[in-house]
Every structure is written in structure tokens, then in C-alpha cells.
Amino acid sequence: MQKYYRANGFFNSGWVLLIDFSGYFDNVEHAPILRQLRKAFTDERIIRLAWRFVKCFGQKSLGIGSQVSQILAVSYPGEVDHYAKEVLGLQYGGRYMDDSYYFHQDREYLEQCIEKLKEKYEPLGIRLHPRKTQIIPIQRFTFLKVRFYLTGTGAVVMKPCQASITRMRRKLRKFRVMLDNKSMTMDDIMRAYQSWRGYVGHLDSHKTIREMDKLFYELYKIWPEPMKKGA
């Protein structure tokens, strides 16, 4: 976002194309996977070993729980990523698994890119999610459950999305019931909350964390960490 800002400026009608694959792992075709393996490796032993992890999930798809599947899922649409950057000129973008983003000045051009990308994805068995694939103003959008804001000075602000906050609030209340029923220990609850807390702590979320800490105290009568003086 900052590279795009430096190249184009904030008031230059910036847009972001968000792409989401529908049922990605379930629809991965095995033939392109095998071609990728043969292109990446010359040792037949490595190819056969990786291929076993692919075929064990059936004639199609990748198993989510396999590390090999995770690696292949990242590399699978790689040629289309290159096409987007090198042919379509979408220089400002990226992808993680089945989620992609591309920044551009022209909304109409991004609409054309969607159709061209669909043609490249089709032989791979990849279908775009009709609701989650969208073009919105660059100033504010959500990607991978993080809310991104681009300010007039080019600063990028990252906050946890509201759905993540709401889900954690519900979990804390549910954990309280499970604690009373002795189906969950306080140590388990603390670890679960600190894990979420550590994740959102990497974002611009100081206020969110303090409010959630207060809820934690209301439910369990202990602070998740020693309160700082004056907090």
C-alpha cells in the first residue's frame, strides 16, 4: 500500500481488487500439481514422495491438514500470479493461499482483469467466490481478517476486524460456562486468550486489547497480565 501511495498518491482514485477462491482445496486438480512437481524437481524419489501425499486424499483436491498440501496450495496458482504482474501489469499485489489483492488506479481495468484471470484459473479448477471477489476503494478494506486503512499521509493503519473481536467475546463467555462445568481449566482459558491477544497485539489494537482485558476481568476476576500503573 505504501509503495502504491508513493507511486500514485492518495487522491488518485485508488482501488483494490480482492480475490477469493471458492472451495480452493477441494477443487485443486492433480494433473497441474504433478507438472509443477516435475518442473521443480529432477529427483524422482522426491517427486514420488510428494505425489503420495497428494494422491492419498483421492483423485482430486488437497488435504488441509498436510504440510505438503499447504506448500502446494501456495505454489499452485503461481503462474497466474506471474501473469497478473507481468502481463496485466498489476505490480502492487500479493496472495496468501486462496486470498489475493491487487491495487490499481482504474476500476474498469480491474473489472477487465477479473475476466482475464478467470480464464487463467479455469484450467486449474479454480473458481472465484462471487460475493467475496470485489473491487473497493483502497482507503479501507479487509484482508485476512485484518482491517487496513490508508491515510492521507500514506500511513497504513491495521486493526483487527470486528468479526474477530465479536468472536473472541463470545468465546470468553462460553469459556466461563465451561469453567463452571469443569470441562475447561483456567490454564486452558488463559492460553487461548493470550494466543488471541498476542495475535492482535501486532496490530494497531491497544484500545481493543484493553477493552477485552476488562471483559476478561469481569468474567474471571483476574487480569490476563499484570496491569500497568495508571492503566
Protein backbone atom coordinates (compact mmCIF):
# COMPACT_ATOMS: atom_id res chain seq x y z
CA MET A 1 0.00 0.00 0.00
CA GLN A 2 2.82 2.39 0.82
CA LYS A 3 4.56 1.64 -2.50
CA TYR A 4 1.29 2.28 -4.31
CA TYR A 5 0.84 5.54 -2.42
CA ARG A 6 4.34 6.76 -3.24
CA ALA A 7 3.80 5.96 -6.92
CA ASN A 8 0.26 7.27 -7.31
CA GLY A 9 -0.75 9.45 -4.36
CA PHE A 10 -3.75 9.16 -2.09
CA PHE A 11 -6.18 11.23 -4.19
CA ASN A 12 -5.59 9.29 -7.40
CA SER A 13 -8.73 7.14 -7.38
CA GLY A 14 -7.08 4.05 -5.96
CA TRP A 15 -8.92 0.74 -5.91
CA VAL A 16 -8.18 -2.72 -4.57
CA LEU A 17 -9.28 -5.93 -6.23
CA LEU A 18 -9.88 -8.61 -3.59
CA ILE A 19 -9.99 -12.17 -4.92
CA ASP A 20 -11.20 -15.20 -3.00
CA PHE A 21 -11.16 -18.75 -4.38
CA SER A 22 -14.32 -20.77 -3.81
CA GLY A 23 -13.67 -24.20 -2.24
CA TYR A 24 -10.00 -23.90 -3.11
CA PHE A 25 -8.51 -27.03 -1.52
CA ASP A 26 -11.45 -29.19 -2.66
CA ASN A 27 -11.11 -28.21 -6.32
CA VAL A 28 -7.35 -28.41 -6.90
CA GLU A 29 -6.62 -30.55 -9.97
CA HIS A 30 -3.88 -33.15 -9.61
CA ALA A 31 -2.50 -33.04 -13.15
CA PRO A 32 -1.18 -29.45 -12.82
CA ILE A 33 0.27 -30.37 -9.41
CA LEU A 34 2.26 -33.21 -10.96
CA ARG A 35 3.53 -30.92 -13.72
CA GLN A 36 4.70 -28.44 -11.09
CA LEU A 37 6.50 -31.16 -9.15
CA ARG A 38 8.30 -32.36 -12.28
CA LYS A 39 9.25 -28.78 -13.12
CA ALA A 40 10.60 -28.12 -9.62
CA PHE A 41 12.47 -31.41 -9.01
CA THR A 42 14.62 -33.77 -11.05
CA ASP A 43 14.95 -36.46 -8.37
CA GLU A 44 12.18 -38.99 -8.99
CA ARG A 45 12.27 -40.08 -5.35
CA ILE A 46 11.26 -36.60 -4.20
CA ILE A 47 8.54 -36.41 -6.84
CA ARG A 48 7.10 -39.80 -5.87
CA LEU A 49 7.19 -38.94 -2.17
CA ALA A 50 5.37 -35.63 -2.66
CA TRP A 51 2.93 -37.27 -5.06
CA ARG A 52 1.99 -39.85 -2.42
CA PHE A 53 0.92 -37.04 -0.09
CA VAL A 54 -1.24 -35.64 -2.90
CA LYS A 55 -2.89 -38.89 -4.05
CA CYS A 56 -3.71 -40.08 -0.53
CA PHE A 57 -6.59 -37.56 -0.49
CA GLY A 58 -8.26 -39.00 -3.59
CA GLN A 59 -8.39 -38.22 -7.29
CA LYS A 60 -8.84 -34.51 -6.71
CA SER A 61 -8.23 -31.87 -4.01
CA LEU A 62 -5.57 -31.30 -1.35
CA GLY A 63 -5.89 -32.26 2.30
CA ILE A 64 -5.86 -29.22 4.55
CA GLY A 65 -4.01 -30.94 7.40
CA SER A 66 -0.93 -31.88 5.36
CA GLN A 67 2.13 -29.62 5.32
CA VAL A 68 2.81 -30.77 1.75
CA SER A 69 -0.68 -29.62 0.83
CA GLN A 70 -0.05 -26.23 2.42
CA ILE A 71 3.13 -25.74 0.37
CA LEU A 72 1.49 -26.90 -2.86
CA ALA A 73 -1.54 -24.68 -2.22
CA VAL A 74 0.76 -21.66 -2.11
CA SER A 75 2.58 -22.58 -5.33
CA TYR A 76 -0.40 -23.97 -7.30
CA PRO A 77 -1.65 -20.68 -8.90
CA GLY A 78 1.88 -19.27 -9.13
CA GLU A 79 1.84 -19.00 -12.92
CA VAL A 80 -1.34 -16.92 -12.74
CA ASP A 81 0.33 -14.65 -10.18
CA HIS A 82 3.12 -14.04 -12.69
CA TYR A 83 0.56 -13.42 -15.42
CA ALA A 84 -1.20 -10.82 -13.26
CA LYS A 85 2.03 -8.96 -12.61
CA GLU A 86 3.94 -9.36 -15.85
CA VAL A 87 1.15 -9.32 -18.44
CA LEU A 88 -1.73 -7.45 -16.80
CA GLY A 89 0.65 -5.01 -15.10
CA LEU A 90 -0.78 -5.45 -11.60
CA GLN A 91 2.50 -4.56 -9.90
CA TYR A 92 1.06 -3.82 -6.47
CA GLY A 93 -0.46 -7.01 -5.12
CA GLY A 94 0.02 -10.36 -3.48
CA ARG A 95 -1.59 -13.64 -2.48
CA TYR A 96 -1.80 -15.93 0.53
CA MET A 97 -3.33 -19.35 -0.26
CA ASP A 98 -6.75 -18.55 -1.74
CA ASP A 99 -6.84 -14.81 -0.98
CA SER A 100 -5.32 -12.19 -3.30
CA TYR A 101 -5.24 -8.41 -3.55
CA TYR A 102 -4.25 -6.03 -6.35
CA PHE A 103 -4.06 -2.21 -6.25
CA HIS A 104 -4.71 -0.10 -9.35
CA GLN A 105 -5.86 3.40 -10.31
CA ASP A 106 -8.55 2.28 -12.78
CA ARG A 107 -11.61 0.39 -11.52
CA GLU A 108 -12.74 -0.51 -15.04
CA TYR A 109 -9.36 -2.05 -15.79
CA LEU A 110 -9.61 -4.20 -12.65
CA GLU A 111 -13.03 -5.39 -13.83
CA GLN A 112 -11.43 -6.48 -17.10
CA CYS A 113 -8.64 -8.20 -15.15
CA ILE A 114 -11.18 -10.30 -13.26
CA GLU A 115 -12.41 -11.85 -16.51
CA LYS A 116 -8.88 -12.45 -17.80
CA LEU A 117 -7.81 -14.04 -14.52
CA LYS A 118 -10.88 -16.29 -14.57
CA GLU A 119 -9.72 -17.67 -17.92
CA LYS A 120 -6.30 -18.49 -16.44
CA TYR A 121 -7.74 -20.01 -13.28
CA GLU A 122 -10.28 -22.23 -15.06
CA PRO A 123 -7.83 -24.94 -16.28
CA LEU A 124 -6.62 -25.25 -12.68
CA GLY A 125 -10.13 -25.89 -11.41
CA ILE A 126 -10.14 -22.61 -9.51
CA ARG A 127 -13.43 -20.74 -9.24
CA LEU A 128 -13.75 -17.21 -7.85
CA HIS A 129 -16.12 -16.65 -4.96
CA PRO A 130 -18.83 -14.38 -6.46
CA ARG A 131 -19.51 -12.47 -3.24
CA LYS A 132 -16.01 -12.18 -1.80
CA THR A 133 -14.33 -11.22 -5.07
CA GLN A 134 -14.85 -7.48 -5.23
CA ILE A 135 -13.38 -4.10 -6.12
CA ILE A 136 -13.48 -1.45 -3.39
CA PRO A 137 -11.72 1.87 -2.63
CA ILE A 138 -8.18 1.42 -1.39
CA GLN A 139 -8.70 3.70 1.61
CA ARG A 140 -10.40 0.99 3.66
CA PHE A 141 -10.67 -2.77 3.14
CA THR A 142 -10.40 -6.10 4.98
CA PHE A 143 -7.87 -8.79 4.02
CA LEU A 144 -7.17 -11.96 6.02
CA LYS A 145 -9.38 -10.70 8.87
CA VAL A 146 -7.35 -7.51 9.21
CA ARG A 147 -8.86 -4.10 8.52
CA PHE A 148 -6.48 -1.88 6.51
CA TYR A 149 -6.70 1.91 6.35
CA LEU A 150 -4.64 4.16 4.07
CA THR A 151 -4.45 7.70 5.45
CA GLY A 152 -3.94 10.95 3.55
CA THR A 153 -0.27 10.97 4.55
CA GLY A 154 0.39 7.47 3.24
CA ALA A 155 0.40 5.79 6.65
CA VAL A 156 -1.10 2.31 6.80
CA VAL A 157 -3.21 1.52 9.86
CA MET A 158 -4.01 -2.14 10.62
CA LYS A 159 -6.77 -3.13 13.01
CA PRO A 160 -8.45 -6.45 13.83
CA CYS A 161 -11.75 -6.85 12.01
CA GLN A 162 -14.91 -6.53 14.08
CA ALA A 163 -15.90 -10.15 13.44
CA SER A 164 -12.70 -11.36 15.13
CA ILE A 165 -13.38 -9.19 18.19
CA THR A 166 -17.00 -10.33 18.44
CA ARG A 167 -15.98 -13.98 18.10
CA MET A 168 -13.47 -13.65 20.95
CA ARG A 169 -16.04 -12.00 23.20
CA ARG A 170 -18.40 -14.91 22.63
CA LYS A 171 -15.64 -17.42 23.30
CA LEU A 172 -14.73 -15.81 26.62
CA ARG A 173 -18.34 -16.02 27.77
CA LYS A 174 -18.57 -19.62 26.58
CA PHE A 175 -15.30 -20.45 28.35
CA ARG A 176 -16.80 -19.10 31.58
CA VAL A 177 -19.63 -21.64 31.34
CA MET A 178 -17.16 -24.42 30.53
CA LEU A 179 -15.04 -23.42 33.52
CA ASP A 180 -18.07 -23.63 35.80
CA ASN A 181 -18.88 -27.05 34.35
CA LYS A 182 -15.26 -28.11 34.87
CA SER A 183 -14.94 -29.01 31.21
CA MET A 184 -12.18 -26.43 30.78
CA THR A 185 -9.43 -25.28 33.12
CA MET A 186 -8.34 -21.73 33.86
CA ASP A 187 -4.93 -22.51 32.36
CA ASP A 188 -6.59 -23.55 29.09
CA ILE A 189 -8.65 -20.36 29.04
CA MET A 190 -5.61 -18.21 29.75
CA ARG A 191 -3.60 -19.85 26.97
CA ALA A 192 -6.44 -19.44 24.47
CA TYR A 193 -6.91 -15.78 25.33
CA GLN A 194 -3.21 -14.96 25.37
CA SER A 195 -2.87 -16.57 21.95
CA TRP A 196 -5.55 -14.27 20.53
CA ARG A 197 -4.11 -11.34 22.47
CA GLY A 198 -0.65 -11.97 21.03
CA TYR A 199 -2.05 -12.01 17.51
CA VAL A 200 -3.98 -8.73 17.73
CA GLY A 201 -1.06 -7.21 19.64
CA HIS A 202 0.81 -6.99 16.31
CA LEU A 203 -1.91 -4.67 15.02
CA ASP A 204 -2.99 -1.15 15.94
CA SER A 205 -5.24 -2.52 18.66
CA HIS A 206 -4.26 -1.06 22.03
CA LYS A 207 -7.80 0.11 22.81
CA THR A 208 -9.30 -3.20 21.68
CA ILE A 209 -6.95 -5.18 23.94
CA ARG A 210 -7.66 -3.01 26.98
CA GLU A 211 -11.43 -3.33 26.49
CA MET A 212 -11.12 -7.10 26.06
CA ASP A 213 -8.93 -7.31 29.18
CA LYS A 214 -11.69 -5.57 31.13
CA LEU A 215 -14.21 -8.14 29.91
CA PHE A 216 -11.80 -10.91 30.89
CA TYR A 217 -11.57 -9.47 34.40
CA GLU A 218 -15.35 -9.14 34.67
CA LEU A 219 -15.76 -12.80 33.79
CA TYR A 220 -12.84 -14.34 35.70
CA LYS A 221 -11.86 -11.73 38.34
CA ILE A 222 -8.20 -11.85 37.30
CA TRP A 223 -6.24 -9.81 34.78
CA PRO A 224 -4.67 -11.68 31.86
CA GLU A 225 -1.42 -9.89 32.67
CA PRO A 226 -0.26 -7.55 35.45
CA MET A 227 -1.93 -4.18 34.95
CA LYS A 228 0.44 -1.34 34.22
CA LYS A 229 0.49 1.58 36.61
CA GLY A 230 -2.15 4.09 35.69
CA ALA A 231 -3.94 1.69 33.28
